[in-house]
Amino acid sequence: MRHKMIRAAVLGTAVGAAAFAVPAGASAAPVSEANCAKISTPTSKNGWGNTFPDEQGQAGKYSATNVSDSDGSLEFTTTAQTPRNASYHTAGKLPLTELAKEPLTFEKKGGNANWQIRVTGANTGESSGFTTLVWTAPQDGKQPDATKSNQWWATRDLPGVPQGTNASLDKLVAAANSSGHTTVIDDYGISSQPNEKSGKVNVDNVSFNGCTTNFAAKGGSGGNGSVELPSFS
């Protein structure tokens, strides 16, 4: 799965290099407890989705399937024709150094689910400094705080941490910011890309930098979530 995800990320750099207009009224403030999409529903997604041109049709779908609460979840269904799903929310260019200061957790039921932290400005040897930091959830239920894990990896080479090599988040952050680079998080999200291609996983209560989003099958908006900003790959 790791090599397939790396190839997808490399393709994303080529396809997603064009600029996008910023939606009217969009908030560029970094995601935090105070600037948080507390609930996301089919009629009020509060910034969650997938606007990347190379990932069309890959966003998760809202489902009545419950993970821990009783109002549904976000569902990723993969097939041989669509072996990868992913949904994101803008991070508002949160400095990467802030990432591990709050727990990174989510709840899941079913198959493969991964953290996807898309950053720019990293010391990758490329002008954009784009890479994605990835962590794979080990089991069902509430996932452990991923900031404590040494199973993170990056989709680009970083100094001392080759592409696809497991490392702690602290090590990846230090490598990304080495040689005077200032790395920021453009988008965070959850992906599913099982080795067997076909699968289903339900995800809920995604916590990033003090903001927890509850995915619900129906209901109102809630929270003051910002509109999702398209990003550069």
Protein backbone atom coordinates (compact mmCIF):
# COMPACT_ATOMS: atom_id res chain seq x y z
CA MET A 1 0.00 0.00 0.00
CA ARG A 2 2.81 2.42 0.87
CA HIS A 3 4.34 2.36 -2.60
CA LYS A 4 0.94 2.90 -4.22
CA MET A 5 0.33 5.89 -1.97
CA ILE A 6 3.72 7.34 -2.86
CA ARG A 7 3.00 6.98 -6.57
CA ALA A 8 -0.37 8.69 -6.11
CA ALA A 9 1.29 11.58 -4.28
CA VAL A 10 3.89 12.04 -7.01
CA LEU A 11 1.14 12.14 -9.63
CA GLY A 12 -0.71 14.69 -7.51
CA THR A 13 2.22 17.07 -7.70
CA ALA A 14 2.09 17.13 -11.48
CA VAL A 15 -1.67 17.29 -11.83
CA GLY A 16 -2.45 19.70 -9.00
CA ALA A 17 0.11 22.40 -9.67
CA ALA A 18 -2.39 24.89 -11.08
CA ALA A 19 -3.68 27.73 -8.87
CA PHE A 20 -7.27 27.86 -7.65
CA ALA A 21 -9.43 30.86 -6.72
CA VAL A 22 -10.12 31.23 -3.01
CA PRO A 23 -13.87 30.90 -2.30
CA ALA A 24 -15.59 34.08 -1.14
CA GLY A 25 -15.76 34.33 2.64
CA ALA A 26 -13.30 31.49 3.19
CA SER A 27 -11.38 31.57 6.44
CA ALA A 28 -7.63 31.15 6.17
CA ALA A 29 -7.11 30.94 9.94
CA PRO A 30 -5.35 27.79 11.16
CA VAL A 31 -7.66 25.06 12.40
CA SER A 32 -7.91 25.07 16.18
CA GLU A 33 -10.43 24.48 18.94
CA ALA A 34 -11.71 28.03 18.37
CA ASN A 35 -11.85 27.72 14.56
CA CYS A 36 -13.39 24.30 14.23
CA ALA A 37 -15.85 22.41 12.03
CA LYS A 38 -17.50 20.63 14.95
CA ILE A 39 -19.96 18.72 12.80
CA SER A 40 -19.99 17.79 9.11
CA THR A 41 -23.12 16.54 7.35
CA PRO A 42 -24.17 15.92 3.73
CA THR A 43 -25.93 19.31 3.58
CA SER A 44 -23.35 21.26 5.62
CA LYS A 45 -19.93 19.73 5.09
CA ASN A 46 -18.15 22.54 6.95
CA GLY A 47 -15.10 22.44 4.71
CA TRP A 48 -14.68 18.67 4.45
CA GLY A 49 -14.33 17.07 1.01
CA ASN A 50 -11.79 16.60 -1.76
CA THR A 51 -11.09 19.34 -4.31
CA PHE A 52 -7.82 17.98 -5.69
CA PRO A 53 -8.11 17.48 -9.47
CA ASP A 54 -6.21 14.19 -9.43
CA GLU A 55 -8.52 12.79 -6.71
CA GLN A 56 -11.92 13.44 -8.30
CA GLY A 57 -14.59 11.12 -6.95
CA GLN A 58 -12.45 9.96 -4.04
CA ALA A 59 -14.15 11.87 -1.19
CA GLY A 60 -15.80 9.82 1.54
CA LYS A 61 -19.60 9.52 1.68
CA TYR A 62 -21.80 10.26 4.67
CA SER A 63 -23.28 7.09 6.12
CA ALA A 64 -25.85 6.03 8.73
CA THR A 65 -23.34 3.44 9.97
CA ASN A 66 -22.32 4.29 13.54
CA VAL A 67 -18.77 4.03 14.83
CA SER A 68 -19.25 5.13 18.45
CA ASP A 69 -22.09 7.65 18.55
CA SER A 70 -25.60 7.30 17.09
CA ASP A 71 -25.63 9.84 14.23
CA GLY A 72 -23.54 8.17 11.54
CA SER A 73 -20.04 8.57 10.15
CA LEU A 74 -17.91 9.22 7.09
CA GLU A 75 -17.56 6.11 4.94
CA PHE A 76 -14.77 5.19 2.53
CA THR A 77 -15.60 2.42 0.06
CA THR A 78 -12.80 1.28 -2.23
CA THR A 79 -13.01 -0.95 -5.30
CA ALA A 80 -10.70 -2.22 -8.00
CA GLN A 81 -11.84 0.76 -10.10
CA THR A 82 -11.44 3.27 -7.24
CA PRO A 83 -8.79 1.76 -4.94
CA ARG A 84 -8.36 4.93 -2.89
CA ASN A 85 -10.65 7.36 -1.05
CA ALA A 86 -9.67 10.49 0.87
CA SER A 87 -11.38 13.49 2.47
CA TYR A 88 -9.62 16.61 3.70
CA HIS A 89 -10.11 19.90 5.50
CA THR A 90 -7.90 22.95 5.16
CA ALA A 91 -5.43 23.43 8.01
CA GLY A 92 -4.99 27.15 7.28
CA LYS A 93 -1.21 26.83 6.91
CA LEU A 94 -0.71 25.74 10.49
CA PRO A 95 3.05 25.56 11.20
CA LEU A 96 4.17 21.93 11.12
CA THR A 97 5.90 22.50 14.46
CA GLU A 98 2.42 22.83 16.03
CA LEU A 99 1.22 19.43 14.82
CA ALA A 100 2.29 17.33 17.81
CA LYS A 101 1.14 19.80 20.48
CA GLU A 102 -2.43 18.41 20.45
CA PRO A 103 -3.56 14.76 20.13
CA LEU A 104 -4.17 13.34 16.66
CA THR A 105 -6.97 10.80 17.01
CA PHE A 106 -10.01 9.44 15.20
CA GLU A 107 -12.42 6.56 15.56
CA LYS A 108 -12.90 3.88 12.95
CA LYS A 109 -14.77 0.66 12.19
CA GLY A 110 -13.76 -1.71 9.42
CA GLY A 111 -10.78 -1.62 7.09
CA ASN A 112 -7.83 0.62 6.32
CA ALA A 113 -7.72 4.27 7.43
CA ASN A 114 -4.76 6.65 7.43
CA TRP A 115 -3.88 10.15 8.57
CA GLN A 116 -2.97 12.34 5.57
CA ILE A 117 -1.09 15.55 6.51
CA ARG A 118 -0.34 17.56 3.35
CA VAL A 119 2.44 20.12 3.78
CA THR A 120 4.44 22.61 1.71
CA GLY A 121 7.72 24.39 2.36
CA ALA A 122 9.52 21.22 3.48
CA ASN A 123 13.15 20.44 2.69
CA THR A 124 12.37 18.02 -0.14
CA GLY A 125 14.71 19.49 -2.75
CA GLU A 126 11.72 20.73 -4.77
CA SER A 127 10.57 24.35 -5.00
CA SER A 128 7.11 23.70 -3.53
CA GLY A 129 8.43 21.61 -0.67
CA PHE A 130 5.30 19.48 -0.97
CA THR A 131 5.01 16.14 0.81
CA THR A 132 2.38 14.18 2.67
CA LEU A 133 2.95 12.70 6.11
CA VAL A 134 1.07 9.42 6.55
CA TRP A 135 0.15 7.21 9.50
CA THR A 136 -1.93 4.01 9.31
CA ALA A 137 -4.43 3.17 12.04
CA PRO A 138 -3.85 -0.28 13.58
CA GLN A 139 -7.32 -1.43 14.71
CA ASP A 140 -11.00 -0.58 15.22
CA GLY A 141 -12.26 1.78 17.88
CA LYS A 142 -10.67 5.02 19.04
CA GLN A 143 -7.19 5.20 17.64
CA PRO A 144 -4.19 6.00 19.84
CA ASP A 145 -2.71 9.48 19.75
CA ALA A 146 -0.71 9.29 16.53
CA THR A 147 1.67 12.05 17.66
CA LYS A 148 3.34 9.42 19.88
CA SER A 149 3.91 6.91 17.07
CA ASN A 150 7.19 6.10 15.31
CA GLN A 151 5.27 4.67 12.31
CA TRP A 152 4.88 7.91 10.34
CA TRP A 153 6.40 8.23 6.88
CA ALA A 154 6.65 10.84 4.13
CA THR A 155 5.87 10.59 0.42
CA ARG A 156 9.08 12.50 -0.46
CA ASP A 157 12.70 12.15 0.61
CA LEU A 158 13.58 14.33 3.59
CA PRO A 159 17.12 14.78 4.96
CA GLY A 160 17.98 11.60 6.87
CA VAL A 161 14.54 10.10 6.27
CA PRO A 162 14.14 8.48 2.84
CA GLN A 163 10.73 8.37 1.19
CA GLY A 164 8.49 5.73 2.78
CA THR A 165 10.76 5.10 5.80
CA ASN A 166 9.11 4.83 9.22
CA ALA A 167 10.05 7.55 11.69
CA SER A 168 8.66 9.48 14.63
CA LEU A 169 6.66 12.60 13.91
CA ASP A 170 9.29 14.68 15.72
CA LYS A 171 11.98 13.33 13.40
CA LEU A 172 9.95 14.07 10.27
CA VAL A 173 9.14 17.60 11.49
CA ALA A 174 12.82 18.29 12.19
CA ALA A 175 13.86 16.94 8.79
CA ALA A 176 11.18 18.92 6.95
CA ASN A 177 12.25 22.15 8.66
CA SER A 178 16.00 21.58 8.30
CA SER A 179 18.30 24.03 6.52
CA GLY A 180 16.10 27.00 7.31
CA HIS A 181 12.86 25.66 5.79
CA THR A 182 9.52 26.64 7.28
CA THR A 183 6.97 23.91 6.70
CA VAL A 184 3.22 24.56 6.94
CA ILE A 185 0.22 22.23 6.88
CA ASP A 186 -2.12 23.03 4.01
CA ASP A 187 -4.64 20.24 4.52
CA TYR A 188 -5.27 17.36 6.90
CA GLY A 189 -7.54 14.39 6.37
CA ILE A 190 -8.20 10.68 6.33
CA SER A 191 -7.59 8.28 3.47
CA SER A 192 -8.31 4.63 2.79
CA GLN A 193 -6.18 2.58 0.39
CA PRO A 194 -6.21 -1.10 1.38
CA ASN A 195 -3.74 -3.54 -0.11
CA GLU A 196 -6.60 -5.65 -1.44
CA LYS A 197 -8.09 -2.56 -3.18
CA SER A 198 -11.68 -3.39 -2.25
CA GLY A 199 -12.84 -2.51 1.25
CA LYS A 200 -14.96 -0.34 3.51
CA VAL A 201 -14.14 1.69 6.60
CA ASN A 202 -16.19 4.14 8.64
CA VAL A 203 -14.51 7.06 10.39
CA ASP A 204 -15.76 9.55 12.97
CA ASN A 205 -14.65 12.14 15.52
CA VAL A 206 -11.47 13.26 13.78
CA SER A 207 -9.32 15.36 16.16
CA PHE A 208 -6.66 17.71 14.79
CA ASN A 209 -5.00 20.58 16.67
CA GLY A 210 -7.73 20.74 19.29
CA CYS A 211 -10.61 20.57 16.77
CA THR A 212 -12.81 17.46 16.74
CA THR A 213 -15.20 16.95 13.82
CA ASN A 214 -18.19 14.68 14.24
CA PHE A 215 -19.48 13.24 10.94
CA ALA A 216 -23.25 12.78 10.88
CA ALA A 217 -25.58 11.27 8.28
CA LYS A 218 -28.01 14.17 8.60
CA GLY A 219 -28.59 17.33 10.61
CA GLY A 220 -27.66 21.00 10.74
CA SER A 221 -24.32 22.73 10.54
CA GLY A 222 -22.83 23.50 13.97
CA GLY A 223 -19.43 24.92 14.66
CA ASN A 224 -17.88 27.72 12.66
CA GLY A 225 -15.91 25.58 10.26
CA SER A 226 -14.10 27.38 7.49
CA VAL A 227 -14.72 26.69 3.81
CA GLU A 228 -12.24 24.21 2.38
CA LEU A 229 -9.46 25.92 0.44
CA PRO A 230 -8.04 24.20 -2.63
CA SER A 231 -4.33 23.55 -2.33
CA PHE A 232 -1.24 23.16 -4.45
CA SER A 233 0.12 19.64 -4.79
